[in-house]
Amino acid sequence: MPTVSAHVALTLAQHIDAVFGVMGNGNAYFLDALETQTDAVFTAVRHEQGAVVAADAHFRASGRIAAGTSTYGAGFTNTLTALAEAVQAHVPLVLVVGDEPTSGPRPWDVDQIALASAVGARTYTVGRADAAATTVIAVEHALTYRVPVVLAIPYDVAALEAGPVPAAPEPRLPAPLAPRGAFADGMLDEIAEALRGAARPFLLAGRGAWLAGAGAALGDLAHLTGALTASSALGRGVFPAAEYDLGVTGGFGADGAMELVRSADVAVVFGASLNQFTMRFGELFAPGTRVFQIDTAPAATHPHVGGFVRADARLAAEALLTRLRAEDAPSHTAAGPWRESVDVTAARAYETGDELAPDGRLDPRSAAKRIGELLPEDRVVVSDGGHFIGWANMYWPVAAPDRTMMVGTAFQSIGQGWPSVVGAALARRDSTIVLTSGDGGGLMAIADLESAVRAARGRGMAVIWNDAAYGAEVNLYGLKGLAEAPMRIPEVDFAAFGAAVGAEGVVVRTLPDLERLRTWASEDPADRRFLLLDLRISGDVIAPYQQEIIRVNS
């Protein structure tokens, strides 16, 4: 007869086709049932944090919920940083774990419910009579609230026979949040009127707009109003008309593009949280700009917002289109729409840098630019956290928001890069997965370098920005005169690390050393190995977004 663990596995597999994890005492029966009785694909990682990270990245790359799994105790506590990141990034996933027996904790058990709650994740504990129903409830909770949930199987319950697996209902999901009430209608009227009369309209979209499927409606709205557009770092590619798009806002934005944003007289923000980085620490908009925000958050998320509508980005954009189309077309200046009077291409250009910095090491700007020219067009870029995040976000454009992800930045953590490759590779089997990571984060997660190479094979590559330091700390605290020895890392040969687990490692000290990326990109993925580029960059070149942080903290 099926066990409690089989009930969980069989029910979960009706809604989730990818599971990542490390096998242990607490989840052995669950994994056995998953492997032998379902069509779900289990991919092993080498550290329990990687189980959650891979499930997180899988959702960000595909929009399909995935699961992680670990044993109880030490296995579970290893997942907490990644679990906190998924909570703060609003990523739904299910973490299936073993737990203490119903008779009470053993010496090696911890209060897992309290620990999960401390980072913002709810726990559902299965029993012999309700395992299937509880599993559906957990999936429903994750998808409804866009958060990770923990699904716990007590140790003394895992192998109990539970009878035939009952039919479980489909998870019920809420409908998109439509603008409701007189206040919302009135504010949409005000936004439409503001756009109609704007001389320099600007639209900003974030990841929320992409998740809402608002791209087409936002493109129509930009065309109808003659607006320039831009996105947050996680919304890149949401607007269909790239010729009028200023790229990423905030510290990753080009100076010329940000000057144009600052000159806007009306700005409407869709599905972007307007965090301190997107807002350039309050400097993104000029004091006279009328700023409106549309988001599913309960209230406006920045004090510069003068009008707020709580609504799904697509539905609100469509409501604005209806209002604007009901009137005459917006009146532009005699010179035509604002966006046709400016040189967008020139405005969004970045500094190219020199081949080598004064210290003789690679200038990360020139290296990033050249890599961006050589990367396959089908790329999905996954990023660890650290000083280096500016280079990929500035110089490597992507085709759509689900082709870029920054796992770790919501929780300000590093060391989640390698397992991100695992989840993205399984989610996007037709794409090239490109990891961008620093040497500090790369070492922290080194156990899952092997997982990344195994999962992605010839469809994966990594760029390690190797400055022999925790660069962000050197920039923030070394410049203040604090002792730098704890901020420095003896230079590590990542190319050799990669070769040890089956990748092709290349040490890059000059731009011509990147020639191997050009030839690799032209090869059949079936005939090539995972490529690891170990870039020996200068730590003296500080990314613009980090310069902003230094300025604010000085």
Protein backbone atom coordinates (compact mmCIF):
# COMPACT_ATOMS: atom_id res chain seq x y z
CA MET A 1 0.00 0.00 0.00
CA PRO A 2 1.22 3.53 -0.64
CA THR A 3 2.98 5.24 2.24
CA VAL A 4 2.43 8.75 3.57
CA SER A 5 5.57 9.79 1.66
CA ALA A 6 4.12 8.27 -1.52
CA HIS A 7 0.91 10.25 -1.01
CA VAL A 8 3.00 13.43 -0.86
CA ALA A 9 5.11 12.49 -3.88
CA LEU A 10 2.23 11.37 -6.07
CA THR A 11 0.08 14.40 -5.25
CA LEU A 12 2.94 16.86 -5.63
CA ALA A 13 3.85 15.37 -9.01
CA GLN A 14 0.39 16.31 -10.33
CA HIS A 15 1.37 19.97 -10.04
CA ILE A 16 5.18 20.00 -10.10
CA ASP A 17 7.47 18.30 -12.60
CA ALA A 18 10.88 19.31 -11.22
CA VAL A 19 12.33 18.52 -7.78
CA PHE A 20 15.83 19.42 -6.59
CA GLY A 21 17.56 18.27 -3.45
CA VAL A 22 19.88 16.19 -1.32
CA MET A 23 18.78 12.78 -0.10
CA GLY A 24 18.89 11.98 3.63
CA ASN A 25 17.11 10.07 6.38
CA GLY A 26 14.17 12.46 6.50
CA ASN A 27 13.23 12.42 2.80
CA ALA A 28 14.42 8.96 1.66
CA TYR A 29 10.92 7.48 1.38
CA PHE A 30 9.62 10.59 -0.39
CA LEU A 31 12.43 10.44 -2.97
CA ASP A 32 11.95 6.71 -3.48
CA ALA A 33 8.28 7.25 -4.29
CA LEU A 34 9.07 10.23 -6.47
CA GLU A 35 11.62 8.25 -8.49
CA THR A 36 9.69 4.99 -8.82
CA GLN A 37 6.06 6.09 -8.95
CA THR A 38 5.93 9.50 -10.71
CA ASP A 39 7.12 11.22 -13.86
CA ALA A 40 8.61 14.15 -11.95
CA VAL A 41 12.31 14.71 -12.58
CA PHE A 42 14.59 14.72 -9.55
CA THR A 43 17.91 16.52 -9.91
CA ALA A 44 20.47 16.09 -7.16
CA VAL A 45 22.42 19.05 -5.84
CA ARG A 46 25.35 18.84 -3.42
CA HIS A 47 24.24 21.30 -0.73
CA GLU A 48 20.75 21.70 0.68
CA GLN A 49 20.77 25.45 0.01
CA GLY A 50 21.04 24.54 -3.65
CA ALA A 51 17.76 22.62 -3.48
CA VAL A 52 15.82 25.79 -2.72
CA VAL A 53 17.91 27.97 -5.04
CA ALA A 54 17.37 25.62 -7.99
CA ALA A 55 13.61 25.51 -7.38
CA ASP A 56 13.63 29.32 -7.08
CA ALA A 57 15.53 29.76 -10.36
CA HIS A 58 13.27 27.24 -12.10
CA PHE A 59 10.23 29.38 -11.34
CA ARG A 60 11.93 32.63 -12.33
CA ALA A 61 13.00 31.14 -15.66
CA SER A 62 9.75 29.38 -16.56
CA GLY A 63 6.89 30.58 -14.36
CA ARG A 64 6.34 26.93 -13.34
CA ILE A 65 6.47 26.08 -9.65
CA ALA A 66 9.12 23.57 -8.58
CA ALA A 67 10.13 21.85 -5.35
CA GLY A 68 13.23 21.41 -3.26
CA THR A 69 13.81 18.68 -0.71
CA SER A 70 16.11 18.00 2.23
CA THR A 71 16.34 15.92 5.35
CA TYR A 72 15.52 17.22 8.81
CA GLY A 73 17.82 19.03 11.25
CA ALA A 74 21.12 20.03 9.69
CA GLY A 75 19.75 19.48 6.19
CA PHE A 76 16.85 21.82 6.85
CA THR A 77 18.92 24.54 8.53
CA ASN A 78 21.17 24.59 5.45
CA THR A 79 18.20 25.80 3.39
CA LEU A 80 17.35 28.88 5.45
CA THR A 81 19.27 31.59 3.56
CA ALA A 82 17.84 30.46 0.24
CA LEU A 83 14.38 30.17 1.80
CA ALA A 84 14.61 33.76 3.07
CA GLU A 85 15.65 34.94 -0.41
CA ALA A 86 12.64 33.24 -2.00
CA VAL A 87 10.32 34.81 0.58
CA GLN A 88 11.66 38.31 -0.02
CA ALA A 89 11.72 37.86 -3.80
CA HIS A 90 8.10 36.56 -3.80
CA VAL A 91 8.99 33.27 -5.49
CA PRO A 92 6.57 30.35 -4.98
CA LEU A 93 8.09 26.93 -4.35
CA VAL A 94 7.56 23.92 -2.09
CA LEU A 95 10.33 22.65 0.19
CA VAL A 96 9.64 19.03 1.20
CA VAL A 97 11.53 18.13 4.36
CA GLY A 98 11.72 15.48 7.00
CA ASP A 99 10.88 16.59 10.53
CA GLU A 100 11.02 15.40 14.13
CA PRO A 101 8.81 12.41 15.01
CA THR A 102 5.34 13.01 16.41
CA SER A 103 6.54 11.59 19.73
CA GLY A 104 8.81 14.58 20.23
CA PRO A 105 12.24 15.96 19.27
CA ARG A 106 15.46 13.98 19.34
CA PRO A 107 18.80 15.56 20.33
CA TRP A 108 19.55 16.50 16.71
CA ASP A 109 16.14 17.98 15.95
CA VAL A 110 15.39 21.70 15.91
CA ASP A 111 12.13 23.65 15.88
CA GLN A 112 11.82 23.76 12.10
CA ILE A 113 8.41 25.44 12.13
CA ALA A 114 9.81 28.32 14.17
CA LEU A 115 12.89 28.63 11.97
CA ALA A 116 10.83 28.69 8.78
CA SER A 117 8.45 31.22 10.31
CA ALA A 118 11.40 33.42 11.29
CA VAL A 119 12.31 33.90 7.62
CA GLY A 120 8.68 34.27 6.52
CA ALA A 121 7.78 30.76 5.30
CA ARG A 122 4.73 28.83 6.50
CA THR A 123 4.96 25.12 7.31
CA TYR A 124 2.35 22.47 6.55
CA THR A 125 2.86 19.15 8.36
CA VAL A 126 1.34 16.03 6.82
CA GLY A 127 -0.31 13.20 8.71
CA ARG A 128 -1.37 9.68 7.87
CA ALA A 129 -4.94 10.68 6.97
CA ASP A 130 -4.39 14.00 5.22
CA ALA A 131 -1.09 13.87 3.33
CA ALA A 132 -2.58 14.38 -0.15
CA ALA A 133 -4.94 17.17 0.91
CA THR A 134 -2.21 18.96 2.87
CA THR A 135 0.09 18.77 -0.15
CA VAL A 136 -2.52 20.48 -2.35
CA ILE A 137 -3.07 23.16 0.30
CA ALA A 138 0.69 23.82 0.41
CA VAL A 139 0.89 24.21 -3.39
CA GLU A 140 -2.17 26.46 -3.36
CA HIS A 141 -0.68 28.66 -0.62
CA ALA A 142 2.62 29.02 -2.48
CA LEU A 143 0.95 30.04 -5.74
CA THR A 144 -1.68 32.29 -4.17
CA TYR A 145 0.70 34.34 -2.05
CA ARG A 146 3.83 33.93 -4.23
CA VAL A 147 5.95 32.62 -1.38
CA PRO A 148 7.83 29.42 -0.57
CA VAL A 149 6.16 26.95 1.77
CA VAL A 150 7.61 24.08 3.79
CA LEU A 151 5.90 20.69 3.57
CA ALA A 152 7.07 18.60 6.53
CA ILE A 153 6.89 14.82 6.87
CA PRO A 154 7.43 13.66 10.50
CA TYR A 155 10.04 10.92 10.73
CA ASP A 156 7.75 8.30 12.31
CA VAL A 157 5.00 8.99 9.77
CA ALA A 158 7.02 8.87 6.54
CA ALA A 159 6.86 5.09 5.96
CA LEU A 160 3.39 4.40 7.35
CA GLU A 161 0.89 2.82 4.97
CA ALA A 162 -1.85 5.30 4.14
CA GLY A 163 -4.13 3.45 1.73
CA PRO A 164 -4.94 4.44 -1.86
CA VAL A 165 -4.02 7.96 -2.83
CA PRO A 166 -7.26 9.98 -2.84
CA ALA A 167 -8.21 12.25 -5.68
CA ALA A 168 -7.10 15.74 -4.76
CA PRO A 169 -8.70 18.93 -6.09
CA GLU A 170 -6.76 21.37 -8.23
CA PRO A 171 -5.29 24.31 -6.35
CA ARG A 172 -7.61 27.33 -6.46
CA LEU A 173 -5.83 30.49 -7.56
CA PRO A 174 -7.12 34.05 -7.23
CA ALA A 175 -8.08 36.00 -10.33
CA PRO A 176 -5.84 38.92 -11.37
CA LEU A 177 -6.47 41.96 -9.19
CA ALA A 178 -8.69 44.31 -11.19
CA PRO A 179 -8.95 48.02 -10.33
CA ARG A 180 -11.96 48.29 -8.03
CA GLY A 181 -14.06 51.12 -6.70
CA ALA A 182 -14.59 54.77 -7.35
CA PHE A 183 -11.18 55.71 -6.02
CA ALA A 184 -9.36 53.38 -8.46
CA ASP A 185 -11.52 54.56 -11.38
CA GLY A 186 -10.91 58.17 -10.47
CA MET A 187 -7.17 57.67 -10.21
CA LEU A 188 -7.05 55.88 -13.57
CA ASP A 189 -8.96 58.84 -15.04
CA GLU A 190 -6.33 61.15 -13.54
CA ILE A 191 -3.44 59.08 -14.90
CA ALA A 192 -5.02 58.99 -18.38
CA GLU A 193 -5.51 62.76 -18.28
CA ALA A 194 -1.92 63.28 -17.15
CA LEU A 195 -0.59 61.10 -19.99
CA ARG A 196 -2.85 62.85 -22.47
CA GLY A 197 -1.40 66.23 -21.55
CA ALA A 198 2.21 65.17 -20.99
CA ALA A 199 4.95 66.64 -23.14
CA ARG A 200 7.53 64.10 -21.93
CA PRO A 201 5.70 60.95 -20.79
CA PHE A 202 7.65 58.02 -19.36
CA LEU A 203 6.60 54.44 -18.55
CA LEU A 204 8.56 52.23 -16.13
CA ALA A 205 7.84 48.50 -15.72
CA GLY A 206 9.17 45.85 -13.37
CA ARG A 207 8.99 42.09 -12.90
CA GLY A 208 5.41 42.39 -11.69
CA ALA A 209 4.36 43.72 -15.10
CA TRP A 210 5.93 40.71 -16.79
CA LEU A 211 4.29 38.22 -14.41
CA ALA A 212 0.97 39.92 -15.14
CA GLY A 213 1.48 39.49 -18.90
CA ALA A 214 1.33 43.25 -19.42
CA GLY A 215 4.00 43.54 -22.13
CA ALA A 216 1.69 43.94 -25.13
CA ALA A 217 -0.64 46.39 -23.38
CA LEU A 218 2.31 48.46 -22.16
CA GLY A 219 3.73 48.52 -25.67
CA ASP A 220 0.41 49.84 -27.00
CA LEU A 221 0.26 52.41 -24.21
CA ALA A 222 3.78 53.65 -24.98
CA HIS A 223 2.94 53.90 -28.69
CA LEU A 224 -0.33 55.74 -28.07
CA THR A 225 1.22 58.28 -25.69
CA GLY A 226 4.59 58.64 -27.40
CA ALA A 227 6.31 57.70 -24.14
CA LEU A 228 9.87 56.66 -23.58
CA THR A 229 10.15 53.43 -21.59
CA ALA A 230 12.52 51.71 -19.20
CA SER A 231 12.45 48.83 -16.75
CA SER A 232 13.78 47.72 -13.41
CA ALA A 233 16.67 45.24 -13.47
CA LEU A 234 14.22 42.32 -13.26
CA GLY A 235 11.88 43.71 -15.93
CA ARG A 236 14.36 44.06 -18.79
CA GLY A 237 12.77 43.32 -22.14
CA VAL A 238 9.13 43.76 -21.06
CA PHE A 239 8.47 46.58 -23.56
CA PRO A 240 8.28 45.33 -27.16
CA ALA A 241 9.65 48.49 -28.85
CA ALA A 242 13.34 48.37 -27.97
CA GLU A 243 14.12 51.42 -30.11
CA TYR A 244 12.34 53.65 -27.59
CA ASP A 245 13.49 51.85 -24.46
CA LEU A 246 16.13 53.42 -22.19
CA GLY A 247 17.11 50.11 -20.62
CA VAL A 248 17.49 49.58 -16.89
CA THR A 249 16.80 52.38 -14.47
CA GLY A 250 18.77 53.18 -11.35
CA GLY A 251 22.42 52.41 -10.77
CA PHE A 252 22.55 50.00 -13.71
CA GLY A 253 21.27 52.68 -16.08
CA ALA A 254 23.38 54.68 -18.52
CA ASP A 255 23.94 58.29 -17.48
CA GLY A 256 22.37 59.70 -20.67
CA ALA A 257 19.31 57.52 -20.28
CA MET A 258 18.86 58.53 -16.65
CA GLU A 259 19.07 62.21 -17.63
CA LEU A 260 16.15 61.65 -20.00
CA VAL A 261 14.15 59.92 -17.27
CA ARG A 262 14.81 62.86 -14.97
CA SER A 263 13.44 65.22 -17.61
CA ALA A 264 10.07 63.42 -17.82
CA ASP A 265 7.05 65.44 -16.73
CA VAL A 266 4.78 62.42 -16.15
CA ALA A 267 5.93 58.94 -15.12
CA VAL A 268 3.71 55.87 -14.68
CA VAL A 269 5.21 52.82 -12.96
CA PHE A 270 3.79 49.32 -13.52
CA GLY A 271 4.69 46.34 -11.32
CA ALA A 272 7.95 47.73 -9.93
CA SER A 273 8.60 48.11 -6.22
CA LEU A 274 10.68 51.29 -6.65
CA ASN A 275 13.40 50.09 -4.30
CA GLN A 276 16.38 52.28 -3.47
CA PHE A 277 18.47 50.93 -6.35
CA THR A 278 15.78 51.39 -9.02
CA MET A 279 15.14 54.90 -7.67
CA ARG A 280 18.82 55.87 -7.54
CA PHE A 281 18.35 56.54 -3.85
CA GLY A 282 15.61 59.05 -4.62
CA GLU A 283 17.34 60.74 -7.57
CA LEU A 284 15.60 58.96 -10.48
CA PHE A 285 12.84 61.53 -10.99
CA ALA A 286 13.07 65.30 -10.83
CA PRO A 287 11.11 67.06 -8.06
CA GLY A 288 8.52 68.32 -10.59
CA THR A 289 7.77 64.95 -12.18
CA ARG A 290 4.26 63.63 -11.53
CA VAL A 291 4.79 59.99 -10.53
CA PHE A 292 1.97 57.42 -10.54
CA GLN A 293 2.32 53.78 -9.47
CA ILE A 294 0.24 50.71 -10.33
CA ASP A 295 1.02 47.63 -8.26
CA THR A 296 -0.57 44.78 -6.33
CA ALA A 297 1.08 46.02 -3.13
CA PRO A 298 -1.38 47.44 -0.58
CA ALA A 299 -0.05 50.99 -0.95
CA ALA A 300 2.51 53.07 -2.81
CA THR A 301 6.05 51.91 -2.16
CA HIS A 302 7.93 55.21 -2.46
CA PRO A 303 7.24 58.71 -1.12
CA HIS A 304 7.70 60.25 -4.58
CA VAL A 305 4.52 58.53 -5.79
CA GLY A 306 1.70 61.07 -6.07
CA GLY A 307 -1.06 58.72 -7.22
CA PHE A 308 -1.50 54.97 -6.62
CA VAL A 309 -3.80 52.26 -8.00
CA ARG A 310 -3.78 48.78 -6.51
CA ALA A 311 -4.27 46.53 -9.50
CA ASP A 312 -2.80 43.94 -11.82
CA ALA A 313 -0.45 45.72 -14.25
CA ARG A 314 -2.05 44.28 -17.40
CA LEU A 315 -5.61 45.05 -16.38
CA ALA A 316 -4.68 48.59 -15.37
CA ALA A 317 -2.77 49.19 -18.59
CA GLU A 318 -5.74 47.97 -20.61
CA ALA A 319 -8.04 50.25 -18.60
CA LEU A 320 -5.79 53.21 -19.41
CA LEU A 321 -5.81 52.27 -23.10
CA THR A 322 -9.61 52.23 -23.09
CA ARG A 323 -9.69 55.69 -21.57
CA LEU A 324 -7.13 57.14 -23.94
CA ARG A 325 -8.70 55.61 -27.04
CA ALA A 326 -12.07 57.01 -26.06
CA GLU A 327 -10.69 60.52 -26.55
CA ASP A 328 -8.72 62.14 -29.33
CA ALA A 329 -5.14 61.00 -29.70
CA PRO A 330 -2.73 62.70 -27.27
CA SER A 331 -1.44 66.03 -28.49
CA HIS A 332 2.30 66.18 -28.98
CA THR A 333 4.57 69.08 -29.71
CA ALA A 334 5.04 70.27 -33.27
CA ALA A 335 8.20 68.18 -33.40
CA GLY A 336 6.15 65.02 -32.76
CA PRO A 337 6.22 62.58 -29.83
CA TRP A 338 9.00 63.14 -27.29
CA ARG A 339 10.52 59.72 -27.89
CA GLU A 340 11.08 60.51 -31.57
CA SER A 341 12.93 63.73 -30.77
CA VAL A 342 15.76 62.16 -28.73
CA ASP A 343 18.65 59.83 -29.58
CA VAL A 344 17.76 56.81 -27.47
CA THR A 345 20.64 54.68 -28.76
CA ALA A 346 23.21 57.27 -27.73
CA ALA A 347 21.52 57.88 -24.39
CA ARG A 348 21.66 54.26 -23.30
CA ALA A 349 25.32 53.73 -24.27
CA TYR A 350 27.76 52.79 -21.51
CA GLU A 351 31.43 53.58 -21.08
CA THR A 352 33.55 51.07 -22.97
CA GLY A 353 36.55 51.20 -20.65
CA ASP A 354 40.10 50.23 -21.54
CA GLU A 355 41.36 46.74 -22.23
CA LEU A 356 43.43 46.80 -19.05
CA ALA A 357 43.06 48.89 -15.93
CA PRO A 358 46.10 50.83 -14.61
CA ASP A 359 46.99 47.90 -12.32
CA GLY A 360 47.47 45.66 -15.38
CA ARG A 361 44.37 43.52 -14.81
CA LEU A 362 41.30 43.39 -17.08
CA ASP A 363 39.02 46.41 -17.07
CA PRO A 364 35.62 44.81 -16.25
CA ARG A 365 33.80 47.31 -18.50
CA SER A 366 35.64 46.34 -21.66
CA ALA A 367 35.45 42.66 -20.74
CA ALA A 368 31.70 42.89 -20.10
CA LYS A 369 31.13 44.70 -23.38
CA ARG A 370 33.07 42.13 -25.37
CA ILE A 371 31.38 39.19 -23.65
CA GLY A 372 28.00 40.77 -24.39
CA GLU A 373 28.91 40.84 -28.07
CA LEU A 374 29.89 37.15 -28.05
CA LEU A 375 27.18 35.55 -25.92
CA PRO A 376 24.57 33.42 -27.72
CA GLU A 377 21.35 35.32 -28.39
CA ASP A 378 19.25 32.61 -26.73
CA ARG A 379 20.88 33.29 -23.36
CA VAL A 380 19.28 33.18 -19.93
CA VAL A 381 21.48 35.11 -17.49
CA VAL A 382 21.52 34.02 -13.85
CA SER A 383 23.36 36.17 -11.35
CA ASP A 384 24.82 35.65 -7.93
CA GLY A 385 25.17 38.66 -5.62
CA GLY A 386 28.19 40.94 -5.23
CA HIS A 387 29.89 44.05 -6.61
CA PHE A 388 30.12 42.51 -10.09
CA ILE A 389 26.33 42.50 -10.65
CA GLY A 390 26.58 45.86 -12.38
CA TRP A 391 28.58 44.53 -15.33
CA ALA A 392 26.11 41.93 -16.64
CA ASN A 393 23.09 44.15 -15.96
CA MET A 394 24.68 47.02 -17.88
CA TYR A 395 26.34 45.29 -20.81
CA TRP A 396 24.37 42.08 -21.43
CA PRO A 397 20.84 42.78 -22.72
CA VAL A 398 18.28 39.99 -22.62
CA ALA A 399 15.20 39.34 -24.73
CA ALA A 400 12.65 39.16 -21.90
CA PRO A 401 12.41 39.42 -18.10
CA ASP A 402 12.30 35.64 -17.66
CA ARG A 403 15.74 35.50 -19.28
CA THR A 404 17.44 37.24 -16.38
CA MET A 405 17.39 36.57 -12.66
CA MET A 406 19.32 37.82 -9.65
CA VAL A 407 19.04 35.15 -6.97
CA GLY A 408 20.26 36.51 -3.65
CA THR A 409 19.85 40.24 -4.11
CA ALA A 410 16.44 40.42 -2.39
CA PHE A 411 18.05 39.11 0.82
CA GLN A 412 21.43 40.78 0.16
CA SER A 413 23.17 37.38 0.09
CA ILE A 414 25.89 35.84 -2.01
CA GLY A 415 26.74 32.23 -2.81
CA GLN A 416 23.60 31.16 -4.67
CA GLY A 417 24.93 31.30 -8.23
CA TRP A 418 25.94 27.76 -9.11
CA PRO A 419 22.65 26.07 -8.10
CA SER A 420 20.73 28.79 -9.97
CA VAL A 421 22.18 27.29 -13.14
CA VAL A 422 20.68 23.92 -12.22
CA GLY A 423 17.12 25.22 -11.94
CA ALA A 424 17.33 27.47 -14.99
CA ALA A 425 18.83 24.71 -17.13
CA LEU A 426 15.96 22.34 -16.39
CA ALA A 427 13.39 25.10 -16.94
CA ARG A 428 14.83 26.34 -20.24
CA ARG A 429 16.16 23.32 -22.09
CA ASP A 430 16.28 25.27 -25.37
CA SER A 431 18.49 28.11 -24.06
CA THR A 432 22.08 28.80 -23.09
CA ILE A 433 22.35 29.38 -19.35
CA VAL A 434 24.96 32.01 -18.43
CA LEU A 435 26.03 32.47 -14.82
CA THR A 436 27.67 35.69 -13.68
CA SER A 437 29.35 35.40 -10.28
CA GLY A 438 32.18 36.80 -8.21
CA ASP A 439 35.03 34.87 -6.68
CA GLY A 440 33.60 35.30 -3.16
CA GLY A 441 30.15 33.96 -4.00
CA GLY A 442 31.62 31.40 -6.37
CA LEU A 443 33.70 29.90 -3.57
CA MET A 444 30.85 30.01 -1.08
CA ALA A 445 28.68 27.82 -3.34
CA ILE A 446 31.50 25.75 -4.83
CA ALA A 447 29.87 22.44 -3.85
CA ASP A 448 27.29 23.01 -6.58
CA LEU A 449 29.76 23.85 -9.35
CA GLU A 450 29.57 20.14 -10.12
CA SER A 451 25.76 20.30 -10.11
CA ALA A 452 25.77 23.20 -12.58
CA VAL A 453 28.17 21.45 -14.95
CA ARG A 454 26.18 18.21 -14.77
CA ALA A 455 22.80 19.88 -15.26
CA ALA A 456 23.64 22.32 -18.05
CA ARG A 457 26.49 20.54 -19.85
CA GLY A 458 27.11 22.18 -23.22
CA ARG A 459 24.16 24.56 -22.77
CA GLY A 460 25.80 26.28 -19.82
CA MET A 461 28.66 28.63 -19.10
CA ALA A 462 29.86 30.83 -16.27
CA VAL A 463 31.74 34.11 -16.01
CA ILE A 464 33.62 34.52 -12.74
CA TRP A 465 34.64 38.13 -12.03
CA ASN A 466 37.82 37.28 -10.15
CA ASP A 467 39.26 40.33 -8.38
CA ALA A 468 40.74 38.34 -5.47
CA ALA A 469 38.48 40.15 -3.02
CA TYR A 470 35.02 40.67 -1.64
CA GLY A 471 34.76 43.69 -3.92
CA ALA A 472 31.70 45.35 -2.41
CA GLU A 473 33.28 45.32 1.04
CA VAL A 474 36.55 46.74 -0.25
CA ASN A 475 34.64 49.52 -1.98
CA LEU A 476 32.42 50.34 0.99
CA TYR A 477 34.73 49.78 3.94
CA GLY A 478 38.25 49.61 2.59
CA LEU A 479 37.79 53.13 1.24
CA LYS A 480 36.85 54.20 4.78
CA GLY A 481 40.17 52.97 6.09
CA LEU A 482 39.04 49.72 7.68
CA ALA A 483 41.45 46.78 7.66
CA GLU A 484 41.34 45.14 4.22
CA ALA A 485 42.90 41.78 5.06
CA PRO A 486 39.51 40.19 5.88
CA MET A 487 38.17 41.55 2.58
CA ARG A 488 40.83 39.92 0.42
CA ILE A 489 40.82 36.43 -1.13
CA PRO A 490 43.98 34.68 -2.36
CA GLU A 491 43.54 34.44 -6.12
CA VAL A 492 41.77 31.20 -6.96
CA ASP A 493 42.09 29.29 -10.23
CA PHE A 494 38.43 28.79 -11.10
CA ALA A 495 39.36 27.43 -14.51
CA ALA A 496 41.06 24.52 -12.74
CA PHE A 497 38.05 24.07 -10.45
CA GLY A 498 35.85 23.79 -13.54
CA ALA A 499 38.14 21.32 -15.26
CA ALA A 500 38.08 19.11 -12.16
CA VAL A 501 34.34 18.52 -12.56
CA GLY A 502 34.22 18.21 -16.34
CA ALA A 503 33.97 21.80 -17.54
CA GLU A 504 36.29 23.61 -19.92
CA GLY A 505 38.06 26.30 -17.93
CA VAL A 506 39.69 29.34 -19.53
CA VAL A 507 41.73 31.95 -17.65
CA VAL A 508 41.05 35.37 -19.23
CA ARG A 509 43.71 38.03 -18.67
CA THR A 510 43.29 39.98 -21.93
CA LEU A 511 40.42 40.56 -24.36
CA PRO A 512 41.89 38.21 -27.00
CA ASP A 513 41.59 35.42 -24.42
CA LEU A 514 37.81 35.69 -24.94
CA GLU A 515 38.19 34.28 -28.45
CA ARG A 516 37.32 30.86 -27.02
CA LEU A 517 33.83 32.17 -26.14
CA ARG A 518 33.28 33.13 -29.77
CA THR A 519 34.15 29.66 -31.06
CA TRP A 520 32.30 27.93 -28.22
CA ALA A 521 29.11 29.88 -29.01
CA SER A 522 29.21 28.66 -32.61
CA GLU A 523 29.54 24.98 -31.71
CA ASP A 524 26.73 22.46 -31.36
CA PRO A 525 25.77 22.31 -27.65
CA ALA A 526 25.76 18.53 -27.88
CA ASP A 527 29.44 18.55 -28.81
CA ARG A 528 30.81 21.03 -26.28
CA ARG A 529 31.40 21.16 -22.54
CA PHE A 530 30.27 23.66 -19.95
CA LEU A 531 32.51 26.72 -20.36
CA LEU A 532 33.94 28.54 -17.32
CA LEU A 533 35.63 31.89 -17.96
CA ASP A 534 37.88 32.96 -15.09
CA LEU A 535 38.21 36.72 -15.63
CA ARG A 536 41.16 38.24 -13.77
CA ILE A 537 39.68 41.70 -13.41
CA SER A 538 40.82 44.84 -11.65
CA GLY A 539 39.10 45.66 -8.40
CA ASP A 540 39.97 49.33 -8.88
CA VAL A 541 37.16 49.89 -11.42
CA ILE A 542 34.02 50.49 -9.37
CA ALA A 543 30.57 49.87 -10.88
CA PRO A 544 28.38 52.98 -11.10
CA TYR A 545 25.67 51.54 -8.85
CA GLN A 546 28.32 50.90 -6.20
CA GLN A 547 29.56 54.45 -6.55
CA GLU A 548 26.02 55.56 -5.69
CA ILE A 549 26.04 53.38 -2.58
CA ILE A 550 29.43 54.78 -1.57
CA ARG A 551 28.11 58.30 -2.01
CA VAL A 552 24.99 57.61 0.07
CA ASN A 553 27.00 55.92 2.82
CA SER A 554 29.70 58.57 2.98
